[in-house]
C-alpha cells in the first residue's frame, strides 16, 4: 500500500463518513437533440401537436454537483 492509499484509508475515508453532507460528486450529463422522436401517438380522431428542433443537431451538456440530499447547480 502506497503512502497516498494509506492516507486515503486512514484519514480521508473516516472524515467523509463523519460528515457525508460535505461530499460533492461532479456529474456531467448530455442529451443530443437529434434523438427526438419523429412520430407519436394521440387519441383517436385527435391530431398530435408537438415541437422538435429541426436542422440544429447539437449536444446540450449539463454539469452539476450531487450531494446527499440535493442537486447543486454549477
N, C-alpha and C. Protein backbone atom coordinates (compact mmCIF):
# COMPACT_ATOMS: atom_id res chain seq x y z
N UNK A 1 0.86 -1.18 0.00
CA UNK A 1 0.00 0.00 0.00
C UNK A 1 0.90 1.24 0.00
N UNK A 2 0.62 2.14 -0.93
CA UNK A 2 1.42 3.36 -1.02
C UNK A 2 1.02 4.33 0.08
N UNK A 3 1.80 5.37 0.22
CA UNK A 3 1.51 6.39 1.24
C UNK A 3 0.20 7.11 0.94
N UNK A 4 -0.08 7.36 -0.34
CA UNK A 4 -1.33 8.03 -0.71
C UNK A 4 -2.54 7.15 -0.39
N UNK A 5 -2.42 5.84 -0.64
CA UNK A 5 -3.51 4.92 -0.33
C UNK A 5 -3.73 4.82 1.18
N UNK A 6 -2.63 4.79 1.95
CA UNK A 6 -2.75 4.72 3.41
C UNK A 6 -3.39 6.00 3.96
N UNK A 7 -3.01 7.14 3.39
CA UNK A 7 -3.61 8.42 3.79
C UNK A 7 -5.11 8.41 3.51
N UNK A 8 -5.49 7.91 2.34
CA UNK A 8 -6.90 7.85 1.97
C UNK A 8 -7.69 6.95 2.92
N UNK A 9 -7.13 5.79 3.21
CA UNK A 9 -7.84 4.81 4.03
C UNK A 9 -7.97 5.23 5.49
N UNK A 10 -6.92 5.82 6.05
CA UNK A 10 -6.91 6.09 7.49
C UNK A 10 -7.32 7.51 7.85
N UNK A 11 -7.27 8.44 6.90
CA UNK A 11 -7.60 9.82 7.24
C UNK A 11 -8.85 10.32 6.52
N UNK A 12 -8.87 10.16 5.20
CA UNK A 12 -9.96 10.77 4.43
C UNK A 12 -11.26 9.98 4.51
N UNK A 13 -11.24 8.67 4.43
CA UNK A 13 -12.47 7.89 4.49
C UNK A 13 -13.23 8.10 5.81
N UNK A 14 -12.59 8.05 6.97
CA UNK A 14 -13.34 8.32 8.21
C UNK A 14 -13.90 9.74 8.27
N UNK A 15 -13.18 10.71 7.71
CA UNK A 15 -13.67 12.09 7.70
C UNK A 15 -14.91 12.21 6.82
N UNK A 16 -14.92 11.53 5.68
CA UNK A 16 -16.10 11.58 4.80
C UNK A 16 -17.29 10.86 5.42
N UNK A 17 -17.04 9.77 6.13
CA UNK A 17 -18.15 9.06 6.79
C UNK A 17 -18.72 9.89 7.93
N UNK A 18 -17.90 10.69 8.59
CA UNK A 18 -18.37 11.51 9.70
C UNK A 18 -19.24 12.67 9.22
N UNK A 19 -18.93 13.23 8.05
CA UNK A 19 -19.68 14.37 7.51
C UNK A 19 -20.04 14.11 6.04
N UNK A 20 -21.01 13.24 5.76
CA UNK A 20 -21.33 12.94 4.36
C UNK A 20 -21.97 14.12 3.62
N UNK A 21 -22.50 15.09 4.34
CA UNK A 21 -23.09 16.27 3.70
C UNK A 21 -22.08 17.15 3.00
N UNK A 22 -20.82 17.03 3.34
CA UNK A 22 -19.77 17.83 2.70
C UNK A 22 -19.29 17.21 1.40
N UNK A 23 -19.62 15.94 1.17
CA UNK A 23 -19.17 15.24 -0.02
C UNK A 23 -19.97 15.70 -1.24
N UNK A 24 -19.27 16.12 -2.29
CA UNK A 24 -19.90 16.58 -3.53
C UNK A 24 -19.30 15.78 -4.68
N UNK A 25 -20.17 15.14 -5.46
CA UNK A 25 -19.74 14.41 -6.64
C UNK A 25 -20.08 15.24 -7.87
N UNK A 26 -19.16 15.36 -8.79
CA UNK A 26 -19.38 16.12 -10.02
C UNK A 26 -19.96 15.18 -11.07
N UNK A 27 -21.08 15.59 -11.68
CA UNK A 27 -21.75 14.77 -12.68
C UNK A 27 -21.93 15.57 -13.96
N UNK A 28 -21.64 14.95 -15.09
CA UNK A 28 -21.83 15.57 -16.39
C UNK A 28 -22.84 14.74 -17.17
N UNK A 29 -23.92 15.39 -17.60
CA UNK A 29 -24.98 14.73 -18.34
C UNK A 29 -25.16 15.45 -19.65
N UNK A 30 -25.46 14.72 -20.71
CA UNK A 30 -25.68 15.36 -22.01
C UNK A 30 -26.87 14.73 -22.71
N UNK A 31 -27.44 15.49 -23.63
CA UNK A 31 -28.54 15.00 -24.45
C UNK A 31 -28.31 15.50 -25.87
N UNK A 32 -28.58 14.64 -26.84
CA UNK A 32 -28.42 15.03 -28.24
C UNK A 32 -29.80 15.39 -28.79
N UNK A 33 -29.88 16.52 -29.47
CA UNK A 33 -31.18 16.98 -29.96
C UNK A 33 -31.69 16.17 -31.14
N UNK A 34 -30.83 15.40 -31.81
CA UNK A 34 -31.31 14.60 -32.93
C UNK A 34 -31.89 13.27 -32.47
N UNK A 35 -32.01 13.05 -31.19
CA UNK A 35 -32.59 11.82 -30.68
C UNK A 35 -34.07 12.00 -30.32
N UNK A 36 -34.68 13.08 -30.78
CA UNK A 36 -36.10 13.32 -30.54
C UNK A 36 -36.92 12.36 -31.40
N UNK A 37 -38.06 11.98 -30.89
CA UNK A 37 -38.95 11.13 -31.67
C UNK A 37 -39.56 11.93 -32.81
N UNK A 38 -39.66 11.30 -33.94
CA UNK A 38 -40.26 11.95 -35.10
C UNK A 38 -41.73 11.60 -35.25
N UNK A 39 -42.20 10.59 -34.54
CA UNK A 39 -43.60 10.17 -34.60
C UNK A 39 -44.12 10.00 -33.18
N UNK A 40 -45.43 10.08 -33.03
CA UNK A 40 -46.02 9.92 -31.71
C UNK A 40 -47.44 9.39 -31.81
N UNK A 41 -48.09 9.28 -30.66
CA UNK A 41 -49.46 8.77 -30.59
C UNK A 41 -50.37 9.82 -30.00
N UNK A 42 -51.62 9.75 -30.40
CA UNK A 42 -52.63 10.63 -29.83
C UNK A 42 -53.95 9.86 -29.76
N UNK A 43 -54.93 10.47 -29.13
CA UNK A 43 -56.23 9.83 -29.03
C UNK A 43 -56.86 9.70 -30.42
N UNK A 44 -57.73 8.75 -30.57
CA UNK A 44 -58.38 8.50 -31.85
C UNK A 44 -59.15 9.74 -32.29
N UNK A 45 -58.88 10.20 -33.49
CA UNK A 45 -59.56 11.37 -34.03
C UNK A 45 -58.91 12.69 -33.64
N UNK A 46 -57.87 12.67 -32.82
CA UNK A 46 -57.18 13.88 -32.39
C UNK A 46 -55.83 13.98 -33.10
N UNK A 47 -55.43 15.19 -33.38
CA UNK A 47 -54.15 15.42 -34.03
C UNK A 47 -53.06 15.60 -32.97
N UNK A 48 -51.90 15.02 -33.21
CA UNK A 48 -50.77 15.17 -32.30
C UNK A 48 -50.04 16.47 -32.62
N UNK A 49 -49.89 17.31 -31.61
CA UNK A 49 -49.16 18.57 -31.79
C UNK A 49 -47.95 18.56 -30.86
N UNK A 50 -46.77 18.69 -31.44
CA UNK A 50 -45.53 18.72 -30.67
C UNK A 50 -44.48 19.45 -31.48
N UNK A 51 -43.46 19.94 -30.80
CA UNK A 51 -42.37 20.62 -31.48
C UNK A 51 -41.08 19.82 -31.29
N UNK A 52 -40.29 19.82 -32.33
CA UNK A 52 -39.00 19.13 -32.32
C UNK A 52 -38.01 20.05 -33.01
N UNK A 53 -36.82 20.27 -32.44
CA UNK A 53 -35.84 21.10 -33.13
C UNK A 53 -35.42 20.44 -34.44
N UNK A 54 -35.47 21.19 -35.53
CA UNK A 54 -35.14 20.62 -36.83
C UNK A 54 -33.93 21.33 -37.41
N UNK A 55 -32.95 20.57 -37.82
CA UNK A 55 -31.79 21.12 -38.51
C UNK A 55 -30.73 21.72 -37.60
N UNK A 56 -30.94 21.69 -36.32
CA UNK A 56 -29.94 22.24 -35.39
C UNK A 56 -29.47 21.11 -34.48
N UNK A 57 -28.93 20.07 -35.07
CA UNK A 57 -28.50 18.93 -34.28
C UNK A 57 -27.26 19.32 -33.47
N UNK A 58 -27.37 19.22 -32.18
CA UNK A 58 -26.25 19.58 -31.31
C UNK A 58 -26.33 18.75 -30.04
N UNK A 59 -25.38 18.94 -29.18
CA UNK A 59 -25.35 18.27 -27.89
C UNK A 59 -25.46 19.32 -26.79
N UNK A 60 -26.39 19.12 -25.89
CA UNK A 60 -26.55 20.00 -24.74
C UNK A 60 -25.93 19.30 -23.54
N UNK A 61 -25.03 19.98 -22.85
CA UNK A 61 -24.32 19.39 -21.71
C UNK A 61 -24.69 20.14 -20.44
N UNK A 62 -24.90 19.39 -19.37
CA UNK A 62 -25.22 19.98 -18.06
C UNK A 62 -24.27 19.37 -17.04
N UNK A 63 -23.59 20.22 -16.30
CA UNK A 63 -22.67 19.78 -15.25
C UNK A 63 -23.22 20.27 -13.92
N UNK A 64 -23.29 19.38 -12.94
CA UNK A 64 -23.83 19.75 -11.63
C UNK A 64 -23.10 18.97 -10.54
N UNK A 65 -23.25 19.44 -9.32
CA UNK A 65 -22.70 18.75 -8.16
C UNK A 65 -23.80 17.98 -7.46
N UNK A 66 -23.55 16.71 -7.15
CA UNK A 66 -24.53 15.88 -6.46
C UNK A 66 -24.14 15.77 -4.99
N UNK A 67 -25.08 16.10 -4.13
CA UNK A 67 -24.89 15.95 -2.68
C UNK A 67 -25.84 14.91 -2.15
N UNK A 68 -25.78 14.62 -0.86
CA UNK A 68 -26.65 13.58 -0.28
C UNK A 68 -28.12 13.89 -0.47
N UNK A 69 -28.54 15.13 -0.28
CA UNK A 69 -29.95 15.43 -0.32
C UNK A 69 -30.36 16.47 -1.34
N UNK A 70 -29.44 16.90 -2.22
CA UNK A 70 -29.80 17.96 -3.16
C UNK A 70 -28.87 17.94 -4.37
N UNK A 71 -29.29 18.68 -5.38
CA UNK A 71 -28.51 18.89 -6.58
C UNK A 71 -27.95 20.30 -6.53
N UNK A 72 -26.64 20.45 -6.63
CA UNK A 72 -26.00 21.76 -6.56
C UNK A 72 -25.77 22.26 -7.98
N UNK A 73 -26.34 23.40 -8.34
CA UNK A 73 -26.15 23.90 -9.71
C UNK A 73 -24.71 24.36 -9.93
N UNK A 74 -24.31 24.43 -11.21
CA UNK A 74 -22.94 24.86 -11.49
C UNK A 74 -22.75 26.34 -11.20
